[in-house]
Every structure is written in C-alpha cells, then in structure tokens.
Amino acid sequence: MPDQPRPRIRRKSDVLARLAAPVADCWVATAGGDEPYLVPLTAAWHDGRIILATSRRSPTARNITAHGRARVGLGPTRDVILIDATLDETIPVADSGTVGEAYARQNDWDPREAGEGFVFLALRPRRIQAWREENELPDRLLMQDGAWLV
C-alpha cells in the first residue's frame, strides 16, 4: 500500500527543491515538425525559470527556438515532475551575466568555458504536475497557465 498522498503544498516545495538541487538532471522533450526529440540535460533554477545549456546547433536548441516550447521531466518513475514550459529567451554564453553565474553555481560545469557554440535557454514554466503513486494522480496539477495553484 503506498504512503498517504502528499498535500499539494508539500509537492510544490518538493518540486522547487528538486529544481534548485545541485546538478538537477532532467529529460527535455521537443519536436521538429513531426519528429520528436528527447535528450538528458542538466538544468538550473533561476528567477522562476529553468535554465538549460546546450549547443546552439543541437536539435533541442533548434526545436525550442523554432516552436517556443518544451516538456521537462525530472525524477524517477515513482516521483515524477512534468513541466510544460515556453521559451522566455535564448542567451549566448558570452552575454549570460547572472544567468551564466547561477547555472555554473548550481552545476558541475560552466558552459561559458565551452565556447561561443553554446547558449542558455531560459524556459518559463506554464504547467507543472507532480506525483509519486496513483493515489497522488487526482491532485497532480500544481501550476496552470504559469500560476501556482497552491
């Protein structure tokens, strides 16, 4: 029998803790036309946005830039966080300022040292869901249209 479902406010704090954790690894799903693309990346949480770093020529950067959206998944299958996000801005690593500093501080590498071929993609969460077991499915929606529901 699974544990009692977490209250939604606890799930929100768990989501924020996971996003702010050192080396927050995630799966990022995008699409180019009818071609889906899924890649593991390391994220940072800065000013209410998910910051990703990748090559400006990668399918991820191209798809997000072209379509303006991505789905980000964190956690194992029994502690899921799904985030639908929109592109807030694309930032060249050379011009990243506090975003680059925040990313490097949270992670185990600094994309600013990788050269001009990298960019930061700042994603604004629009919808966030979080659940562990089936008993948490009914209240899994924590954010809708960019506003926390709890």
C-alpha atoms as a PDB file:
ATOM      1  CA  MET A   1       0.000   0.000   0.000  1.00  0.00           C
ATOM      2  CA  PRO A   2       1.502   3.363  -0.977  1.00  0.00           C
ATOM      3  CA  ASP A   3       2.090   6.120   1.532  1.00  0.00           C
ATOM      4  CA  GLN A   4      -0.609   8.688   2.039  1.00  0.00           C
ATOM      5  CA  PRO A   5      -0.648  11.278  -0.752  1.00  0.00           C
ATOM      6  CA  ARG A   6       1.400  14.394  -0.076  1.00  0.00           C
ATOM      7  CA  PRO A   7      -0.546  17.611   0.270  1.00  0.00           C
ATOM      8  CA  ARG A   8      -0.192  19.796  -2.813  1.00  0.00           C
ATOM      9  CA  ILE A   9       1.757  22.452  -0.887  1.00  0.00           C
ATOM     10  CA  ARG A  10       4.325  19.784   0.056  1.00  0.00           C
ATOM     11  CA  ARG A  11       4.566  18.702  -3.583  1.00  0.00           C
ATOM     12  CA  LYS A  12       5.232  22.305  -4.592  1.00  0.00           C
ATOM     13  CA  SER A  13       8.081  22.569  -2.093  1.00  0.00           C
ATOM     14  CA  ASP A  14       9.440  19.205  -3.315  1.00  0.00           C
ATOM     15  CA  VAL A  15       9.347  20.471  -6.929  1.00  0.00           C
ATOM     16  CA  LEU A  16      11.179  23.674  -6.033  1.00  0.00           C
ATOM     17  CA  ALA A  17      13.768  21.737  -4.015  1.00  0.00           C
ATOM     18  CA  ARG A  18      14.402  19.359  -6.920  1.00  0.00           C
ATOM     19  CA  LEU A  19      14.796  22.250  -9.374  1.00  0.00           C
ATOM     20  CA  ALA A  20      17.239  24.044  -7.062  1.00  0.00           C
ATOM     21  CA  ALA A  21      19.254  20.925  -6.194  1.00  0.00           C
ATOM     22  CA  PRO A  22      22.882  20.701  -7.304  1.00  0.00           C
ATOM     23  CA  VAL A  23      23.198  19.147 -10.751  1.00  0.00           C
ATOM     24  CA  ALA A  24      19.452  18.918 -11.441  1.00  0.00           C
ATOM     25  CA  ASP A  25      19.406  16.408 -14.269  1.00  0.00           C
ATOM     26  CA  CYS A  26      16.282  16.255 -16.404  1.00  0.00           C
ATOM     27  CA  TRP A  27      14.851  14.949 -19.664  1.00  0.00           C
ATOM     28  CA  VAL A  28      13.912  17.599 -22.224  1.00  0.00           C
ATOM     29  CA  ALA A  29      11.392  16.723 -24.932  1.00  0.00           C
ATOM     30  CA  THR A  30      10.939  18.861 -28.037  1.00  0.00           C
ATOM     31  CA  ALA A  31       9.744  18.309 -31.568  1.00  0.00           C
ATOM     32  CA  GLY A  32      10.743  19.478 -35.003  1.00  0.00           C
ATOM     33  CA  GLY A  33       7.706  19.038 -37.199  1.00  0.00           C
ATOM     34  CA  ASP A  34       6.519  15.501 -36.581  1.00  0.00           C
ATOM     35  CA  GLU A  35       9.959  14.336 -35.365  1.00  0.00           C
ATOM     36  CA  PRO A  36      10.100  14.062 -31.543  1.00  0.00           C
ATOM     37  CA  TYR A  37      13.398  14.568 -29.759  1.00  0.00           C
ATOM     38  CA  LEU A  38      14.301  13.632 -26.173  1.00  0.00           C
ATOM     39  CA  VAL A  39      17.617  14.445 -24.524  1.00  0.00           C
ATOM     40  CA  PRO A  40      19.064  14.410 -20.991  1.00  0.00           C
ATOM     41  CA  LEU A  41      20.357  17.806 -19.847  1.00  0.00           C
ATOM     42  CA  THR A  42      21.335  19.454 -16.610  1.00  0.00           C
ATOM     43  CA  ALA A  43      19.167  22.375 -15.540  1.00  0.00           C
ATOM     44  CA  ALA A  44      19.425  25.290 -13.180  1.00  0.00           C
ATOM     45  CA  TRP A  45      16.603  27.141 -11.462  1.00  0.00           C
ATOM     46  CA  HIS A  46      17.000  30.916 -11.585  1.00  0.00           C
ATOM     47  CA  ASP A  47      14.432  33.694 -11.142  1.00  0.00           C
ATOM     48  CA  GLY A  48      11.487  31.320 -11.613  1.00  0.00           C
ATOM     49  CA  ARG A  49      12.881  29.887 -14.844  1.00  0.00           C
ATOM     50  CA  ILE A  50      14.506  26.641 -15.898  1.00  0.00           C
ATOM     51  CA  ILE A  51      17.894  27.364 -17.437  1.00  0.00           C
ATOM     52  CA  LEU A  52      19.292  24.811 -19.879  1.00  0.00           C
ATOM     53  CA  ALA A  53      22.662  24.904 -21.604  1.00  0.00           C
ATOM     54  CA  THR A  54      23.250  23.249 -24.948  1.00  0.00           C
ATOM     55  CA  SER A  55      24.926  23.713 -28.291  1.00  0.00           C
ATOM     56  CA  ARG A  56      23.158  26.368 -30.328  1.00  0.00           C
ATOM     57  CA  ARG A  57      23.117  23.870 -33.247  1.00  0.00           C
ATOM     58  CA  SER A  58      21.585  20.996 -31.269  1.00  0.00           C
ATOM     59  CA  PRO A  59      18.118  19.706 -32.170  1.00  0.00           C
ATOM     60  CA  THR A  60      16.972  20.830 -28.703  1.00  0.00           C
ATOM     61  CA  ALA A  61      18.040  24.445 -29.251  1.00  0.00           C
ATOM     62  CA  ARG A  62      16.685  24.473 -32.806  1.00  0.00           C
ATOM     63  CA  ASN A  63      13.323  22.982 -31.791  1.00  0.00           C
ATOM     64  CA  ILE A  64      12.811  25.218 -28.770  1.00  0.00           C
ATOM     65  CA  THR A  65      13.827  28.310 -30.712  1.00  0.00           C
ATOM     66  CA  ALA A  66      11.541  27.433 -33.631  1.00  0.00           C
ATOM     67  CA  HIS A  67       8.488  26.327 -31.632  1.00  0.00           C
ATOM     68  CA  GLY A  68       8.959  28.117 -28.318  1.00  0.00           C
ATOM     69  CA  ARG A  69       8.131  25.199 -26.043  1.00  0.00           C
ATOM     70  CA  ALA A  70       9.458  22.077 -24.354  1.00  0.00           C
ATOM     71  CA  ARG A  71       8.462  19.465 -21.807  1.00  0.00           C
ATOM     72  CA  VAL A  72      10.902  18.869 -18.969  1.00  0.00           C
ATOM     73  CA  GLY A  73      10.793  15.736 -16.818  1.00  0.00           C
ATOM     74  CA  LEU A  74      12.597  15.280 -13.513  1.00  0.00           C
ATOM     75  CA  GLY A  75      12.792  12.366 -11.125  1.00  0.00           C
ATOM     76  CA  PRO A  76      12.318   8.629 -11.296  1.00  0.00           C
ATOM     77  CA  THR A  77       9.089   6.991 -12.401  1.00  0.00           C
ATOM     78  CA  ARG A  78       7.761   6.917  -8.824  1.00  0.00           C
ATOM     79  CA  ASP A  79       8.479  10.579  -8.116  1.00  0.00           C
ATOM     80  CA  VAL A  80       7.584  12.372 -11.330  1.00  0.00           C
ATOM     81  CA  ILE A  81       7.737  16.082 -12.095  1.00  0.00           C
ATOM     82  CA  LEU A  82       6.497  17.112 -15.547  1.00  0.00           C
ATOM     83  CA  ILE A  83       6.886  20.723 -16.617  1.00  0.00           C
ATOM     84  CA  ASP A  84       5.472  22.230 -19.784  1.00  0.00           C
ATOM     85  CA  ALA A  85       7.450  25.390 -20.463  1.00  0.00           C
ATOM     86  CA  THR A  86       7.793  28.144 -23.016  1.00  0.00           C
ATOM     87  CA  LEU A  87      10.948  29.837 -24.208  1.00  0.00           C
ATOM     88  CA  ASP A  88      11.494  33.097 -22.365  1.00  0.00           C
ATOM     89  CA  GLU A  89      14.806  33.935 -24.023  1.00  0.00           C
ATOM     90  CA  THR A  90      17.893  32.483 -25.685  1.00  0.00           C
ATOM     91  CA  ILE A  91      21.104  33.823 -24.191  1.00  0.00           C
ATOM     92  CA  PRO A  92      24.554  33.462 -25.801  1.00  0.00           C
ATOM     93  CA  VAL A  93      27.007  32.167 -23.178  1.00  0.00           C
ATOM     94  CA  ALA A  94      29.252  35.215 -23.686  1.00  0.00           C
ATOM     95  CA  ASP A  95      26.374  37.555 -22.733  1.00  0.00           C
ATOM     96  CA  SER A  96      24.850  35.458 -19.953  1.00  0.00           C
ATOM     97  CA  GLY A  97      25.697  37.582 -16.875  1.00  0.00           C
ATOM     98  CA  THR A  98      23.783  36.456 -13.784  1.00  0.00           C
ATOM     99  CA  VAL A  99      22.126  33.586 -15.667  1.00  0.00           C
ATOM    100  CA  GLY A 100      25.513  32.063 -16.506  1.00  0.00           C
ATOM    101  CA  GLU A 101      26.726  32.603 -12.947  1.00  0.00           C
ATOM    102  CA  ALA A 102      23.610  30.939 -11.494  1.00  0.00           C
ATOM    103  CA  TYR A 103      23.933  27.973 -13.859  1.00  0.00           C
ATOM    104  CA  ALA A 104      27.629  27.434 -13.051  1.00  0.00           C
ATOM    105  CA  ARG A 105      26.993  27.766  -9.297  1.00  0.00           C
ATOM    106  CA  GLN A 106      24.296  25.052  -9.339  1.00  0.00           C
ATOM    107  CA  ASN A 107      26.043  22.626 -11.674  1.00  0.00           C
ATOM    108  CA  ASP A 108      29.268  20.720 -12.158  1.00  0.00           C
ATOM    109  CA  TRP A 109      30.342  22.537 -15.317  1.00  0.00           C
ATOM    110  CA  ASP A 110      30.337  26.025 -16.754  1.00  0.00           C
ATOM    111  CA  PRO A 111      29.086  26.269 -20.349  1.00  0.00           C
ATOM    112  CA  ARG A 112      30.661  29.732 -20.614  1.00  0.00           C
ATOM    113  CA  GLU A 113      34.012  27.914 -20.798  1.00  0.00           C
ATOM    114  CA  ALA A 114      32.797  25.674 -23.652  1.00  0.00           C
ATOM    115  CA  GLY A 115      32.933  28.445 -26.228  1.00  0.00           C
ATOM    116  CA  GLU A 116      30.632  30.504 -28.359  1.00  0.00           C
ATOM    117  CA  GLY A 117      28.802  27.449 -29.720  1.00  0.00           C
ATOM    118  CA  PHE A 118      26.705  27.164 -26.549  1.00  0.00           C
ATOM    119  CA  VAL A 119      23.589  29.029 -25.457  1.00  0.00           C
ATOM    120  CA  PHE A 120      21.422  29.188 -22.395  1.00  0.00           C
ATOM    121  CA  LEU A 121      17.720  28.554 -22.967  1.00  0.00           C
ATOM    122  CA  ALA A 122      15.583  30.201 -20.299  1.00  0.00           C
ATOM    123  CA  LEU A 123      12.244  28.399 -20.049  1.00  0.00           C
ATOM    124  CA  ARG A 124       9.223  29.759 -18.197  1.00  0.00           C
ATOM    125  CA  PRO A 125       7.089  27.001 -16.605  1.00  0.00           C
ATOM    126  CA  ARG A 126       3.447  27.159 -17.728  1.00  0.00           C
ATOM    127  CA  ARG A 127       2.135  23.860 -16.305  1.00  0.00           C
ATOM    128  CA  ILE A 128       3.642  21.689 -13.569  1.00  0.00           C
ATOM    129  CA  GLN A 129       2.452  18.267 -12.465  1.00  0.00           C
ATOM    130  CA  ALA A 130       3.966  16.146  -9.671  1.00  0.00           C
ATOM    131  CA  TRP A 131       3.065  12.720  -8.313  1.00  0.00           C
ATOM    132  CA  ARG A 132       4.609   9.615  -6.786  1.00  0.00           C
ATOM    133  CA  GLU A 133       1.962   6.918  -6.866  1.00  0.00           C
ATOM    134  CA  GLU A 134      -1.531   6.526  -8.251  1.00  0.00           C
ATOM    135  CA  ASN A 135      -3.010   7.994  -5.074  1.00  0.00           C
ATOM    136  CA  GLU A 136      -1.420  11.362  -5.970  1.00  0.00           C
ATOM    137  CA  LEU A 137      -2.760  11.492  -9.536  1.00  0.00           C
ATOM    138  CA  PRO A 138      -6.011  13.346  -8.750  1.00  0.00           C
ATOM    139  CA  ASP A 139      -4.150  16.386  -7.332  1.00  0.00           C
ATOM    140  CA  ARG A 140      -1.049  16.282  -9.540  1.00  0.00           C
ATOM    141  CA  LEU A 141      -1.608  19.678 -11.195  1.00  0.00           C
ATOM    142  CA  LEU A 142       0.339  22.323  -9.247  1.00  0.00           C
ATOM    143  CA  MET A 143       0.707  25.095 -11.834  1.00  0.00           C
ATOM    144  CA  GLN A 144      -1.572  26.104 -14.704  1.00  0.00           C
ATOM    145  CA  ASP A 145      -1.065  28.983 -17.184  1.00  0.00           C
ATOM    146  CA  GLY A 146       2.124  29.980 -15.335  1.00  0.00           C
ATOM    147  CA  ALA A 147       0.401  30.465 -11.955  1.00  0.00           C
ATOM    148  CA  TRP A 148       0.858  28.223  -8.929  1.00  0.00           C
ATOM    149  CA  LEU A 149      -2.432  26.673  -7.820  1.00  0.00           C
ATOM    150  CA  VAL A 150      -1.081  26.204  -4.283  1.00  0.00           C
END
